[in-house]
PDB file of N, CA and C in Angstrom:
ATOM      1  N   MET A   1      -0.955   9.220  13.381  1.00  0.00           N
ATOM      2  CA  MET A   1       0.440   9.421  13.048  1.00  0.00           C
ATOM      3  C   MET A   1       0.563   9.486  11.529  1.00  0.00           C
ATOM      4  N   ARG A   2       1.302  10.439  11.051  1.00  0.00           N
ATOM      5  CA  ARG A   2       1.409  10.657   9.603  1.00  0.00           C
ATOM      6  C   ARG A   2       2.046   9.480   8.890  1.00  0.00           C
ATOM      7  N   PHE A   3       3.001   8.810   9.521  1.00  0.00           N
ATOM      8  CA  PHE A   3       3.624   7.640   8.901  1.00  0.00           C
ATOM      9  C   PHE A   3       2.581   6.571   8.620  1.00  0.00           C
ATOM     10  N   GLU A   4       1.709   6.362   9.575  1.00  0.00           N
ATOM     11  CA  GLU A   4       0.664   5.348   9.417  1.00  0.00           C
ATOM     12  C   GLU A   4      -0.371   5.751   8.373  1.00  0.00           C
ATOM     13  N   GLN A   5      -0.392   7.012   8.008  1.00  0.00           N
ATOM     14  CA  GLN A   5      -1.292   7.486   6.964  1.00  0.00           C
ATOM     15  C   GLN A   5      -0.608   7.467   5.602  1.00  0.00           C
ATOM     16  N   GLY A   6       0.666   7.054   5.575  1.00  0.00           N
ATOM     17  CA  GLY A   6       1.351   6.894   4.306  1.00  0.00           C
ATOM     18  C   GLY A   6       2.481   7.847   4.010  1.00  0.00           C
ATOM     19  N   THR A   7       2.785   8.776   4.921  1.00  0.00           N
ATOM     20  CA  THR A   7       3.891   9.700   4.680  1.00  0.00           C
ATOM     21  C   THR A   7       5.210   8.936   4.787  1.00  0.00           C
ATOM     22  N   PRO A   8       6.043   8.988   3.746  1.00  0.00           N
ATOM     23  CA  PRO A   8       7.320   8.268   3.783  1.00  0.00           C
ATOM     24  C   PRO A   8       8.248   8.787   4.874  1.00  0.00           C
ATOM     25  N   LYS A   9       9.078   7.880   5.375  1.00  0.00           N
ATOM     26  CA  LYS A   9      10.009   8.226   6.447  1.00  0.00           C
ATOM     27  C   LYS A   9      10.964   9.345   6.055  1.00  0.00           C
ATOM     28  N   HIS A  10      11.457   9.318   4.822  1.00  0.00           N
ATOM     29  CA  HIS A  10      12.422  10.348   4.429  1.00  0.00           C
ATOM     30  C   HIS A  10      11.776  11.741   4.375  1.00  0.00           C
ATOM     31  N   ILE A  11      10.506  11.806   4.064  1.00  0.00           N
ATOM     32  CA  ILE A  11       9.790  13.091   4.071  1.00  0.00           C
ATOM     33  C   ILE A  11       9.685  13.603   5.506  1.00  0.00           C
ATOM     34  N   LEU A  12       9.335  12.719   6.420  1.00  0.00           N
ATOM     35  CA  LEU A  12       9.240  13.109   7.831  1.00  0.00           C
ATOM     36  C   LEU A  12      10.592  13.593   8.351  1.00  0.00           C
ATOM     37  N   ALA A  13      11.648  12.885   7.987  1.00  0.00           N
ATOM     38  CA  ALA A  13      12.985  13.285   8.430  1.00  0.00           C
ATOM     39  C   ALA A  13      13.326  14.685   7.923  1.00  0.00           C
ATOM     40  N   ASP A  14      13.015  14.957   6.662  1.00  0.00           N
ATOM     41  CA  ASP A  14      13.278  16.292   6.105  1.00  0.00           C
ATOM     42  C   ASP A  14      12.456  17.368   6.806  1.00  0.00           C
ATOM     43  N   GLU A  15      11.180  17.093   7.019  1.00  0.00           N
ATOM     44  CA  GLU A  15      10.301  18.088   7.639  1.00  0.00           C
ATOM     45  C   GLU A  15      10.710  18.415   9.066  1.00  0.00           C
ATOM     46  N   TYR A  16      11.125  17.394   9.811  1.00  0.00           N
ATOM     47  CA  TYR A  16      11.501  17.614  11.207  1.00  0.00           C
ATOM     48  C   TYR A  16      12.990  17.902  11.376  1.00  0.00           C
ATOM     49  N   GLU A  17      13.703  17.917  10.241  1.00  0.00           N
ATOM     50  CA  GLU A  17      15.121  18.216  10.229  1.00  0.00           C
ATOM     51  C   GLU A  17      15.918  17.326  11.175  1.00  0.00           C
ATOM     52  N   ILE A  18      15.619  16.026  11.087  1.00  0.00           N
ATOM     53  CA  ILE A  18      16.381  15.025  11.827  1.00  0.00           C
ATOM     54  C   ILE A  18      16.766  13.917  10.850  1.00  0.00           C
ATOM     55  N   SER A  19      17.647  13.055  11.282  1.00  0.00           N
ATOM     56  CA  SER A  19      18.132  12.013  10.382  1.00  0.00           C
ATOM     57  C   SER A  19      17.068  10.941  10.144  1.00  0.00           C
ATOM     58  N   LEU A  20      17.236  10.242   9.046  1.00  0.00           N
ATOM     59  CA  LEU A  20      16.349   9.126   8.734  1.00  0.00           C
ATOM     60  C   LEU A  20      16.454   8.051   9.812  1.00  0.00           C
ATOM     61  N   THR A  21      17.656   7.840  10.324  1.00  0.00           N
ATOM     62  CA  THR A  21      17.854   6.869  11.401  1.00  0.00           C
ATOM     63  C   THR A  21      17.052   7.254  12.639  1.00  0.00           C
ATOM     64  N   ALA A  22      17.033   8.538  12.958  1.00  0.00           N
ATOM     65  CA  ALA A  22      16.263   9.005  14.118  1.00  0.00           C
ATOM     66  C   ALA A  22      14.775   8.747  13.916  1.00  0.00           C
ATOM     67  N   ILE A  23      14.278   8.998  12.708  1.00  0.00           N
ATOM     68  CA  ILE A  23      12.864   8.723  12.418  1.00  0.00           C
ATOM     69  C   ILE A  23      12.578   7.237  12.579  1.00  0.00           C
ATOM     70  N   LYS A  24      13.437   6.398  12.017  1.00  0.00           N
ATOM     71  CA  LYS A  24      13.241   4.944  12.118  1.00  0.00           C
ATOM     72  C   LYS A  24      13.222   4.495  13.573  1.00  0.00           C
ATOM     73  N   ASN A  25      14.130   5.049  14.381  1.00  0.00           N
ATOM     74  CA  ASN A  25      14.181   4.686  15.798  1.00  0.00           C
ATOM     75  C   ASN A  25      12.908   5.111  16.526  1.00  0.00           C
ATOM     76  N   LEU A  26      12.417   6.309  16.227  1.00  0.00           N
ATOM     77  CA  LEU A  26      11.182   6.788  16.853  1.00  0.00           C
ATOM     78  C   LEU A  26       9.982   5.909  16.462  1.00  0.00           C
ATOM     79  N   LEU A  27       9.920   5.551  15.195  1.00  0.00           N
ATOM     80  CA  LEU A  27       8.816   4.705  14.734  1.00  0.00           C
ATOM     81  C   LEU A  27       8.866   3.336  15.398  1.00  0.00           C
ATOM     82  N   LYS A  28      10.055   2.794  15.489  1.00  0.00           N
ATOM     83  CA  LYS A  28      10.211   1.481  16.133  1.00  0.00           C
ATOM     84  C   LYS A  28       9.833   1.563  17.612  1.00  0.00           C
ATOM     85  N   LYS A  29      10.303   2.606  18.287  1.00  0.00           N
ATOM     86  CA  LYS A  29      10.018   2.791  19.712  1.00  0.00           C
ATOM     87  C   LYS A  29       8.512   2.898  19.971  1.00  0.00           C
ATOM     88  N   ASN A  30       7.803   3.510  19.025  1.00  0.00           N
ATOM     89  CA  ASN A  30       6.362   3.701  19.180  1.00  0.00           C
ATOM     90  C   ASN A  30       5.525   2.630  18.490  1.00  0.00           C
ATOM     91  N   ASN A  31       6.190   1.550  18.071  1.00  0.00           N
ATOM     92  CA  ASN A  31       5.508   0.422  17.426  1.00  0.00           C
ATOM     93  C   ASN A  31       4.638   0.851  16.246  1.00  0.00           C
ATOM     94  N   ALA A  32       5.125   1.813  15.492  1.00  0.00           N
ATOM     95  CA  ALA A  32       4.366   2.284  14.329  1.00  0.00           C
ATOM     96  C   ALA A  32       4.360   1.196  13.258  1.00  0.00           C
ATOM     97  N   ARG A  33       3.209   0.981  12.694  1.00  0.00           N
ATOM     98  CA  ARG A  33       3.063  -0.007  11.636  1.00  0.00           C
ATOM     99  C   ARG A  33       3.133   0.680  10.285  1.00  0.00           C
ATOM    100  N   GLN A  34       3.723  -0.025   9.341  1.00  0.00           N
ATOM    101  CA  GLN A  34       3.726   0.514   7.987  1.00  0.00           C
ATOM    102  C   GLN A  34       2.287   0.570   7.505  1.00  0.00           C
ATOM    103  N   PRO A  35       1.988   1.561   6.681  1.00  0.00           N
ATOM    104  CA  PRO A  35       0.600   1.760   6.287  1.00  0.00           C
ATOM    105  C   PRO A  35       0.007   0.614   5.489  1.00  0.00           C
ATOM    106  N   TRP A  36       0.817  -0.116   4.794  1.00  0.00           N
ATOM    107  CA  TRP A  36       0.328  -1.261   4.031  1.00  0.00           C
ATOM    108  C   TRP A  36       1.505  -2.113   3.625  1.00  0.00           C
ATOM    109  N   GLN A  37       1.178  -3.312   3.243  1.00  0.00           N
ATOM    110  CA  GLN A  37       2.177  -4.198   2.682  1.00  0.00           C
ATOM    111  C   GLN A  37       1.663  -4.645   1.327  1.00  0.00           C
ATOM    112  N   VAL A  38       2.570  -5.044   0.480  1.00  0.00           N
ATOM    113  CA  VAL A  38       2.170  -5.470  -0.857  1.00  0.00           C
ATOM    114  C   VAL A  38       1.150  -6.595  -0.779  1.00  0.00           C
ATOM    115  N   SER A  39       1.333  -7.506   0.163  1.00  0.00           N
ATOM    116  CA  SER A  39       0.409  -8.636   0.284  1.00  0.00           C
ATOM    117  C   SER A  39      -1.006  -8.187   0.628  1.00  0.00           C
ATOM    118  N   ASP A  40      -1.134  -6.999   1.207  1.00  0.00           N
ATOM    119  CA  ASP A  40      -2.458  -6.452   1.515  1.00  0.00           C
ATOM    120  C   ASP A  40      -3.089  -5.787   0.296  1.00  0.00           C
ATOM    121  N   ARG A  41      -2.271  -5.442  -0.687  1.00  0.00           N
ATOM    122  CA  ARG A  41      -2.757  -4.662  -1.820  1.00  0.00           C
ATOM    123  C   ARG A  41      -2.907  -5.468  -3.096  1.00  0.00           C
ATOM    124  N   LEU A  42      -2.167  -6.571  -3.230  1.00  0.00           N
ATOM    125  CA  LEU A  42      -2.213  -7.369  -4.445  1.00  0.00           C
ATOM    126  C   LEU A  42      -2.622  -8.800  -4.139  1.00  0.00           C
ATOM    127  N   SER A  43      -3.488  -9.326  -4.964  1.00  0.00           N
ATOM    128  CA  SER A  43      -3.852 -10.739  -4.824  1.00  0.00           C
ATOM    129  C   SER A  43      -2.745 -11.586  -5.442  1.00  0.00           C
ATOM    130  N   ALA A  44      -2.788 -12.879  -5.184  1.00  0.00           N
ATOM    131  CA  ALA A  44      -1.811 -13.788  -5.783  1.00  0.00           C
ATOM    132  C   ALA A  44      -1.909 -13.736  -7.309  1.00  0.00           C
ATOM    133  N   GLU A  45      -3.107 -13.571  -7.809  1.00  0.00           N
ATOM    134  CA  GLU A  45      -3.315 -13.470  -9.258  1.00  0.00           C
ATOM    135  C   GLU A  45      -2.663 -12.191  -9.807  1.00  0.00           C
ATOM    136  N   ASP A  46      -2.815 -11.082  -9.069  1.00  0.00           N
ATOM    137  CA  ASP A  46      -2.186  -9.825  -9.485  1.00  0.00           C
ATOM    138  C   ASP A  46      -0.670  -9.956  -9.537  1.00  0.00           C
ATOM    139  N   VAL A  47      -0.100 -10.619  -8.535  1.00  0.00           N
ATOM    140  CA  VAL A  47       1.351 -10.805  -8.499  1.00  0.00           C
ATOM    141  C   VAL A  47       1.789 -11.629  -9.708  1.00  0.00           C
ATOM    142  N   GLY A  48       1.040 -12.685 -10.007  1.00  0.00           N
ATOM    143  CA  GLY A  48       1.360 -13.509 -11.175  1.00  0.00           C
ATOM    144  C   GLY A  48       1.307 -12.714 -12.467  1.00  0.00           C
ATOM    145  N   THR A  49       0.285 -11.887 -12.612  1.00  0.00           N
ATOM    146  CA  THR A  49       0.135 -11.053 -13.807  1.00  0.00           C
ATOM    147  C   THR A  49       1.261 -10.024 -13.888  1.00  0.00           C
ATOM    148  N   LEU A  50       1.613  -9.437 -12.764  1.00  0.00           N
ATOM    149  CA  LEU A  50       2.713  -8.482 -12.716  1.00  0.00           C
ATOM    150  C   LEU A  50       4.011  -9.139 -13.169  1.00  0.00           C
ATOM    151  N   LEU A  51       4.292 -10.334 -12.668  1.00  0.00           N
ATOM    152  CA  LEU A  51       5.529 -11.028 -13.022  1.00  0.00           C
ATOM    153  C   LEU A  51       5.546 -11.417 -14.500  1.00  0.00           C
ATOM    154  N   GLN A  52       4.406 -11.810 -15.043  1.00  0.00           N
ATOM    155  CA  GLN A  52       4.325 -12.118 -16.470  1.00  0.00           C
ATOM    156  C   GLN A  52       4.622 -10.875 -17.303  1.00  0.00           C
ATOM    157  N   ALA A  53       4.065  -9.751 -16.899  1.00  0.00           N
ATOM    158  CA  ALA A  53       4.295  -8.500 -17.622  1.00  0.00           C
ATOM    159  C   ALA A  53       5.773  -8.118 -17.551  1.00  0.00           C
ATOM    160  N   PHE A  54       6.402  -8.328 -16.392  1.00  0.00           N
ATOM    161  CA  PHE A  54       7.823  -8.033 -16.256  1.00  0.00           C
ATOM    162  C   PHE A  54       8.638  -8.903 -17.203  1.00  0.00           C
ATOM    163  N   ARG A  55       8.328 -10.188 -17.239  1.00  0.00           N
ATOM    164  CA  ARG A  55       9.063 -11.118 -18.110  1.00  0.00           C
ATOM    165  C   ARG A  55       8.837 -10.806 -19.587  1.00  0.00           C
ATOM    166  N   ALA A  56       7.715 -10.167 -19.890  1.00  0.00           N
ATOM    167  CA  ALA A  56       7.418  -9.783 -21.270  1.00  0.00           C
ATOM    168  C   ALA A  56       8.074  -8.450 -21.650  1.00  0.00           C
ATOM    169  N   GLY A  57       8.745  -7.818 -20.682  1.00  0.00           N
ATOM    170  CA  GLY A  57       9.490  -6.608 -20.990  1.00  0.00           C
ATOM    171  C   GLY A  57       8.945  -5.308 -20.431  1.00  0.00           C
ATOM    172  N   THR A  58       7.870  -5.351 -19.657  1.00  0.00           N
ATOM    173  CA  THR A  58       7.348  -4.116 -19.062  1.00  0.00           C
ATOM    174  C   THR A  58       8.329  -3.624 -17.999  1.00  0.00           C
ATOM    175  N   PRO A  59       8.726  -2.356 -18.058  1.00  0.00           N
ATOM    176  CA  PRO A  59       9.681  -1.821 -17.070  1.00  0.00           C
ATOM    177  C   PRO A  59       9.107  -1.861 -15.648  1.00  0.00           C
ATOM    178  N   LYS A  60       9.997  -2.041 -14.695  1.00  0.00           N
ATOM    179  CA  LYS A  60       9.578  -2.130 -13.290  1.00  0.00           C
ATOM    180  C   LYS A  60       8.855  -0.866 -12.832  1.00  0.00           C
ATOM    181  N   TRP A  61       9.356   0.304 -13.257  1.00  0.00           N
ATOM    182  CA  TRP A  61       8.723   1.555 -12.829  1.00  0.00           C
ATOM    183  C   TRP A  61       7.283   1.633 -13.327  1.00  0.00           C
ATOM    184  N   GLN A  62       7.058   1.104 -14.530  1.00  0.00           N
ATOM    185  CA  GLN A  62       5.713   1.139 -15.093  1.00  0.00           C
ATOM    186  C   GLN A  62       4.792   0.179 -14.338  1.00  0.00           C
ATOM    187  N   LEU A  63       5.317  -0.971 -13.961  1.00  0.00           N
ATOM    188  CA  LEU A  63       4.532  -1.924 -13.173  1.00  0.00           C
ATOM    189  C   LEU A  63       4.149  -1.319 -11.825  1.00  0.00           C
ATOM    190  N   ALA A  64       5.094  -0.603 -11.223  1.00  0.00           N
ATOM    191  CA  ALA A  64       4.815   0.044  -9.940  1.00  0.00           C
ATOM    192  C   ALA A  64       3.641   1.014 -10.083  1.00  0.00           C
ATOM    193  N   GLU A  65       3.653   1.805 -11.137  1.00  0.00           N
ATOM    194  CA  GLU A  65       2.559   2.752 -11.373  1.00  0.00           C
ATOM    195  C   GLU A  65       1.243   2.023 -11.659  1.00  0.00           C
ATOM    196  N   MET A  66       1.312   0.984 -12.471  1.00  0.00           N
ATOM    197  CA  MET A  66       0.100   0.245 -12.854  1.00  0.00           C
ATOM    198  C   MET A  66      -0.587  -0.393 -11.652  1.00  0.00           C
ATOM    199  N   TYR A  67       0.209  -0.919 -10.725  1.00  0.00           N
ATOM    200  CA  TYR A  67      -0.347  -1.643  -9.590  1.00  0.00           C
ATOM    201  C   TYR A  67      -0.422  -0.811  -8.315  1.00  0.00           C
ATOM    202  N   GLY A  68       0.017   0.432  -8.372  1.00  0.00           N
ATOM    203  CA  GLY A  68      -0.081   1.309  -7.212  1.00  0.00           C
ATOM    204  C   GLY A  68       0.805   0.898  -6.057  1.00  0.00           C
ATOM    205  N   ILE A  69       1.985   0.374  -6.389  1.00  0.00           N
ATOM    206  CA  ILE A  69       2.939  -0.029  -5.364  1.00  0.00           C
ATOM    207  C   ILE A  69       4.268   0.656  -5.664  1.00  0.00           C
ATOM    208  N   SER A  70       5.197   0.553  -4.744  1.00  0.00           N
ATOM    209  CA  SER A  70       6.487   1.212  -4.940  1.00  0.00           C
ATOM    210  C   SER A  70       7.379   0.412  -5.882  1.00  0.00           C
ATOM    211  N   LEU A  71       8.340   1.097  -6.450  1.00  0.00           N
ATOM    212  CA  LEU A  71       9.329   0.440  -7.296  1.00  0.00           C
ATOM    213  C   LEU A  71      10.083  -0.609  -6.485  1.00  0.00           C
ATOM    214  N   THR A  72      10.382  -0.298  -5.241  1.00  0.00           N
ATOM    215  CA  THR A  72      11.061  -1.248  -4.367  1.00  0.00           C
ATOM    216  C   THR A  72      10.244  -2.523  -4.206  1.00  0.00           C
ATOM    217  N   SER A  73       8.933  -2.394  -4.084  1.00  0.00           N
ATOM    218  CA  SER A  73       8.073  -3.570  -3.942  1.00  0.00           C
ATOM    219  C   SER A  73       8.097  -4.423  -5.201  1.00  0.00           C
ATOM    220  N   VAL A  74       8.104  -3.773  -6.353  1.00  0.00           N
ATOM    221  CA  VAL A  74       8.180  -4.525  -7.611  1.00  0.00           C
ATOM    222  C   VAL A  74       9.506  -5.279  -7.673  1.00  0.00           C
ATOM    223  N   LYS A  75      10.593  -4.596  -7.339  1.00  0.00           N
ATOM    224  CA  LYS A  75      11.902  -5.240  -7.353  1.00  0.00           C
ATOM    225  C   LYS A  75      11.930  -6.438  -6.407  1.00  0.00           C
ATOM    226  N   ARG A  76      11.325  -6.287  -5.235  1.00  0.00           N
ATOM    227  CA  ARG A  76      11.286  -7.373  -4.264  1.00  0.00           C
ATOM    228  C   ARG A  76      10.496  -8.563  -4.802  1.00  0.00           C
ATOM    229  N   LEU A  77       9.359  -8.300  -5.442  1.00  0.00           N
ATOM    230  CA  LEU A  77       8.549  -9.389  -6.002  1.00  0.00           C
ATOM    231  C   LEU A  77       9.317 -10.133  -7.088  1.00  0.00           C
ATOM    232  N   VAL A  78      10.014  -9.391  -7.943  1.00  0.00           N
ATOM    233  CA  VAL A  78      10.798 -10.014  -9.011  1.00  0.00           C
ATOM    234  C   VAL A  78      11.908 -10.861  -8.409  1.00  0.00           C
ATOM    235  N   ARG A  79      12.608 -10.301  -7.428  1.00  0.00           N
ATOM    236  CA  ARG A  79      13.707 -11.032  -6.781  1.00  0.00           C
ATOM    237  C   ARG A  79      13.193 -12.304  -6.109  1.00  0.00           C
ATOM    238  N   GLN A  80      12.071 -12.214  -5.425  1.00  0.00           N
ATOM    239  CA  GLN A  80      11.509 -13.386  -4.738  1.00  0.00           C
ATOM    240  C   GLN A  80      11.066 -14.447  -5.729  1.00  0.00           C
ATOM    241  N   SER A  81      10.622 -14.038  -6.907  1.00  0.00           N
ATOM    242  CA  SER A  81      10.159 -15.015  -7.888  1.00  0.00           C
ATOM    243  C   SER A  81      11.319 -15.822  -8.469  1.00  0.00           C
ATOM    244  N   ARG A  82      12.510 -15.267  -8.390  1.00  0.00           N
ATOM    245  CA  ARG A  82      13.699 -15.955  -8.915  1.00  0.00           C
ATOM    246  C   ARG A  82      14.274 -16.967  -7.936  1.00  0.00           C
ATOM    247  N   ALA A  83      13.885 -16.847  -6.674  1.00  0.00           N
ATOM    248  CA  ALA A  83      14.442 -17.729  -5.640  1.00  0.00           C
ATOM    249  C   ALA A  83      13.844 -19.119  -5.700  1.00  0.00           C
TER     250      ALA A  83
END
């Protein structure tokens, strides 16, 4: 399945000319797993280093590129560190 190989849901929705909600429902119905999670890609040490760089002023988009994760994942890590 292309989603499991990393194709984003919104790309699939555009290609198949259906709504994003329809894609999400199909993926859920078929128990599709996300291709990866941040916890699978970054060690605890990497997360700590990422957060230090953020606090030192490195932009979130740049951190996402540096660590090979999405901007949303960086935002989530920053938000979780504040809790």
